[in-house]
N, C-alpha and C. Protein backbone atom coordinates (compact mmCIF):
# COMPACT_ATOMS: atom_id res chain seq x y z
N MET A 1 25.00 0.75 12.17
CA MET A 1 24.58 1.82 13.04
C MET A 1 23.61 1.23 14.07
N THR A 2 23.80 1.61 15.30
CA THR A 2 22.92 1.09 16.34
C THR A 2 21.57 1.80 16.30
N LYS A 3 20.59 1.17 16.91
CA LYS A 3 19.25 1.76 16.99
C LYS A 3 19.31 3.11 17.71
N GLN A 4 20.10 3.16 18.78
CA GLN A 4 20.23 4.40 19.55
C GLN A 4 20.87 5.51 18.71
N ALA A 5 21.91 5.16 17.94
CA ALA A 5 22.56 6.14 17.08
C ALA A 5 21.60 6.65 16.00
N MET A 6 20.81 5.75 15.44
CA MET A 6 19.83 6.16 14.42
C MET A 6 18.80 7.10 15.03
N ASN A 7 18.30 6.77 16.21
CA ASN A 7 17.33 7.65 16.87
C ASN A 7 17.92 9.02 17.15
N HIS A 8 19.19 9.06 17.55
CA HIS A 8 19.86 10.33 17.81
C HIS A 8 19.96 11.15 16.52
N LEU A 9 20.34 10.50 15.43
CA LEU A 9 20.43 11.16 14.14
C LEU A 9 19.07 11.70 13.70
N LEU A 10 18.04 10.88 13.82
CA LEU A 10 16.70 11.31 13.42
C LEU A 10 16.19 12.45 14.29
N ALA A 11 16.49 12.40 15.58
CA ALA A 11 16.07 13.48 16.48
C ALA A 11 16.71 14.80 16.06
N GLY A 12 17.99 14.74 15.65
CA GLY A 12 18.66 15.95 15.19
C GLY A 12 18.04 16.50 13.92
N LEU A 13 17.72 15.62 12.98
CA LEU A 13 17.07 16.05 11.73
C LEU A 13 15.67 16.61 11.99
N GLU A 14 14.98 15.99 12.92
CA GLU A 14 13.64 16.46 13.29
C GLU A 14 13.74 17.84 13.96
N HIS A 15 14.68 17.97 14.88
CA HIS A 15 14.86 19.24 15.60
C HIS A 15 15.24 20.37 14.64
N ALA A 16 16.03 20.04 13.61
CA ALA A 16 16.46 21.02 12.62
C ALA A 16 15.36 21.36 11.62
N GLY A 17 14.26 20.59 11.64
CA GLY A 17 13.13 20.90 10.76
C GLY A 17 13.14 20.20 9.42
N TYR A 18 13.97 19.14 9.27
CA TYR A 18 14.05 18.45 8.00
C TYR A 18 13.07 17.30 7.87
N LEU A 19 12.65 16.75 8.97
CA LEU A 19 11.70 15.65 8.91
C LEU A 19 10.79 15.69 10.13
N GLN A 20 9.70 14.94 10.02
CA GLN A 20 8.80 14.78 11.14
C GLN A 20 8.45 13.31 11.28
N ARG A 21 8.24 12.91 12.51
CA ARG A 21 7.84 11.54 12.79
C ARG A 21 6.36 11.56 13.14
N VAL A 22 5.62 10.66 12.51
CA VAL A 22 4.18 10.55 12.78
C VAL A 22 3.84 9.08 13.01
N PRO A 23 2.84 8.81 13.82
CA PRO A 23 2.45 7.41 14.04
C PRO A 23 1.99 6.77 12.73
N ALA A 24 2.35 5.51 12.53
CA ALA A 24 1.89 4.78 11.35
C ALA A 24 0.39 4.54 11.48
N PRO A 25 -0.35 4.76 10.43
CA PRO A 25 -1.81 4.64 10.53
C PRO A 25 -2.32 3.24 10.82
N ASP A 26 -1.54 2.22 10.41
CA ASP A 26 -2.02 0.85 10.55
C ASP A 26 -1.26 0.02 11.57
N ASP A 27 -0.31 0.65 12.28
CA ASP A 27 0.48 -0.07 13.28
C ASP A 27 0.85 0.90 14.39
N GLY A 28 0.21 0.75 15.54
CA GLY A 28 0.41 1.65 16.66
C GLY A 28 1.83 1.67 17.20
N ARG A 29 2.62 0.65 16.88
CA ARG A 29 4.01 0.59 17.37
C ARG A 29 4.97 1.27 16.42
N ALA A 30 4.58 1.47 15.19
CA ALA A 30 5.50 1.98 14.16
C ALA A 30 5.40 3.49 14.01
N THR A 31 6.45 4.05 13.46
CA THR A 31 6.51 5.48 13.17
C THR A 31 6.86 5.66 11.71
N VAL A 32 6.23 6.64 11.08
CA VAL A 32 6.51 6.98 9.69
C VAL A 32 7.32 8.27 9.69
N LEU A 33 8.38 8.30 8.89
CA LEU A 33 9.18 9.50 8.73
C LEU A 33 8.74 10.23 7.47
N ARG A 34 8.53 11.53 7.61
CA ARG A 34 8.11 12.35 6.46
C ARG A 34 9.02 13.55 6.35
N LEU A 35 9.48 13.82 5.14
CA LEU A 35 10.27 15.02 4.93
C LEU A 35 9.36 16.24 5.04
N THR A 36 9.86 17.30 5.65
CA THR A 36 9.15 18.57 5.68
C THR A 36 9.46 19.29 4.37
N ASP A 37 8.86 20.46 4.17
CA ASP A 37 9.19 21.26 2.98
C ASP A 37 10.68 21.57 2.95
N GLN A 38 11.24 21.88 4.10
CA GLN A 38 12.67 22.15 4.20
C GLN A 38 13.48 20.90 3.84
N GLY A 39 13.03 19.75 4.27
CA GLY A 39 13.69 18.50 3.93
C GLY A 39 13.64 18.22 2.43
N HIS A 40 12.50 18.52 1.81
CA HIS A 40 12.38 18.35 0.35
C HIS A 40 13.31 19.31 -0.38
N ASP A 41 13.47 20.53 0.15
CA ASP A 41 14.39 21.49 -0.47
C ASP A 41 15.82 20.94 -0.45
N VAL A 42 16.23 20.38 0.69
CA VAL A 42 17.58 19.82 0.80
C VAL A 42 17.74 18.64 -0.15
N GLU A 43 16.72 17.79 -0.24
CA GLU A 43 16.78 16.66 -1.16
C GLU A 43 16.99 17.13 -2.60
N ARG A 44 16.26 18.17 -2.99
CA ARG A 44 16.38 18.72 -4.35
C ARG A 44 17.79 19.26 -4.58
N ILE A 45 18.31 20.00 -3.61
CA ILE A 45 19.66 20.56 -3.73
C ILE A 45 20.70 19.45 -3.86
N MET A 46 20.54 18.39 -3.07
CA MET A 46 21.49 17.27 -3.14
C MET A 46 21.42 16.57 -4.49
N ARG A 47 20.20 16.36 -5.00
CA ARG A 47 20.07 15.70 -6.31
C ARG A 47 20.70 16.55 -7.41
N GLU A 48 20.46 17.85 -7.36
CA GLU A 48 21.04 18.74 -8.37
C GLU A 48 22.56 18.72 -8.29
N GLY A 49 23.10 18.75 -7.08
CA GLY A 49 24.55 18.73 -6.90
C GLY A 49 25.17 17.44 -7.38
N SER A 50 24.55 16.31 -7.04
CA SER A 50 25.11 15.03 -7.49
C SER A 50 24.98 14.90 -9.01
N GLY A 51 23.93 15.45 -9.58
CA GLY A 51 23.80 15.44 -11.04
C GLY A 51 24.91 16.22 -11.71
N ARG A 52 25.25 17.38 -11.14
CA ARG A 52 26.36 18.18 -11.68
C ARG A 52 27.67 17.42 -11.59
N ILE A 53 27.90 16.77 -10.44
CA ILE A 53 29.14 16.00 -10.26
C ILE A 53 29.23 14.88 -11.29
N GLU A 54 28.12 14.15 -11.49
CA GLU A 54 28.13 13.06 -12.46
C GLU A 54 28.37 13.57 -13.88
N ARG A 55 27.78 14.71 -14.21
CA ARG A 55 28.01 15.28 -15.55
C ARG A 55 29.49 15.66 -15.72
N ASP A 56 30.08 16.23 -14.66
CA ASP A 56 31.51 16.58 -14.72
C ASP A 56 32.35 15.32 -14.91
N TRP A 57 32.05 14.28 -14.14
CA TRP A 57 32.79 13.03 -14.26
C TRP A 57 32.64 12.45 -15.66
N ALA A 58 31.42 12.47 -16.19
CA ALA A 58 31.18 11.91 -17.53
C ALA A 58 31.97 12.69 -18.58
N ARG A 59 32.05 14.00 -18.41
CA ARG A 59 32.80 14.82 -19.35
C ARG A 59 34.30 14.48 -19.27
N GLU A 60 34.82 14.22 -18.07
CA GLU A 60 36.25 13.94 -17.89
C GLU A 60 36.60 12.48 -18.17
N LEU A 61 35.74 11.56 -17.74
CA LEU A 61 36.06 10.13 -17.81
C LEU A 61 35.33 9.39 -18.93
N GLY A 62 34.26 9.96 -19.40
CA GLY A 62 33.41 9.29 -20.37
C GLY A 62 32.21 8.65 -19.67
N ARG A 63 31.09 8.68 -20.36
CA ARG A 63 29.84 8.18 -19.78
C ARG A 63 29.92 6.70 -19.42
N SER A 64 30.61 5.91 -20.24
CA SER A 64 30.66 4.46 -19.97
C SER A 64 31.42 4.18 -18.67
N ARG A 65 32.47 4.93 -18.37
CA ARG A 65 33.20 4.71 -17.12
C ARG A 65 32.36 5.12 -15.92
N VAL A 66 31.58 6.17 -16.06
CA VAL A 66 30.70 6.59 -14.96
C VAL A 66 29.63 5.52 -14.74
N GLU A 67 29.09 4.96 -15.80
CA GLU A 67 28.10 3.89 -15.66
C GLU A 67 28.72 2.65 -15.02
N GLU A 68 29.97 2.37 -15.38
CA GLU A 68 30.68 1.24 -14.76
C GLU A 68 30.86 1.50 -13.26
N LEU A 69 31.20 2.71 -12.90
CA LEU A 69 31.33 3.08 -11.49
C LEU A 69 30.00 2.91 -10.76
N ARG A 70 28.94 3.38 -11.38
CA ARG A 70 27.60 3.26 -10.78
C ARG A 70 27.25 1.79 -10.56
N SER A 71 27.54 0.94 -11.54
CA SER A 71 27.26 -0.49 -11.43
C SER A 71 28.07 -1.11 -10.30
N THR A 72 29.34 -0.74 -10.21
CA THR A 72 30.20 -1.25 -9.15
C THR A 72 29.68 -0.82 -7.78
N MET A 73 29.25 0.40 -7.66
CA MET A 73 28.71 0.90 -6.39
C MET A 73 27.45 0.13 -6.00
N ARG A 74 26.61 -0.19 -6.98
CA ARG A 74 25.41 -0.99 -6.68
C ARG A 74 25.80 -2.38 -6.17
N GLU A 75 26.81 -2.98 -6.78
CA GLU A 75 27.28 -4.29 -6.34
C GLU A 75 27.83 -4.22 -4.92
N LEU A 76 28.61 -3.19 -4.62
CA LEU A 76 29.16 -3.04 -3.28
C LEU A 76 28.05 -2.83 -2.25
N ASP A 77 27.04 -2.07 -2.62
CA ASP A 77 25.91 -1.86 -1.71
C ASP A 77 25.18 -3.16 -1.45
N ALA A 78 24.99 -3.95 -2.50
CA ALA A 78 24.32 -5.24 -2.33
C ALA A 78 25.13 -6.16 -1.43
N LEU A 79 26.44 -6.15 -1.59
CA LEU A 79 27.29 -6.97 -0.72
C LEU A 79 27.19 -6.51 0.74
N ALA A 80 27.18 -5.21 0.94
CA ALA A 80 27.12 -4.65 2.30
C ALA A 80 25.79 -4.96 2.98
N THR A 81 24.72 -5.04 2.20
CA THR A 81 23.41 -5.29 2.78
C THR A 81 23.05 -6.77 2.78
N GLY A 82 23.95 -7.60 2.25
CA GLY A 82 23.71 -9.04 2.26
C GLY A 82 22.83 -9.54 1.14
N ALA A 83 22.53 -8.66 0.19
CA ALA A 83 21.66 -9.06 -0.92
C ALA A 83 22.44 -9.76 -2.02
N GLY A 84 23.75 -9.67 -2.01
CA GLY A 84 24.55 -10.28 -3.06
C GLY A 84 24.68 -9.33 -4.24
N PRO A 85 25.69 -9.46 -5.06
CA PRO A 85 25.95 -8.51 -6.13
C PRO A 85 24.96 -8.55 -7.28
N HIS A 86 24.27 -9.64 -7.46
CA HIS A 86 23.38 -9.75 -8.63
C HIS A 86 21.93 -9.96 -8.24
N SER A 87 21.55 -9.46 -7.09
CA SER A 87 20.15 -9.63 -6.62
C SER A 87 19.25 -8.64 -7.28
């Protein structure tokens, strides 16, 4: 994602009331992103929803297969970020 695309995305989230940008206290060039109360509500809803999905998957596939999927996803994320699968 380009820097411009990220700024556009953040501006939309800020405009919608999900986050706020504030100057970093120790670096005048940096900005800190903070979730608003509305942003925290969305985070909670997303966590609850993903928890329900994982419980459904575990019930259908078994807990060990869901853990294997989670491990594989971590490895893929590490590969995508250049950290390597076992970092």
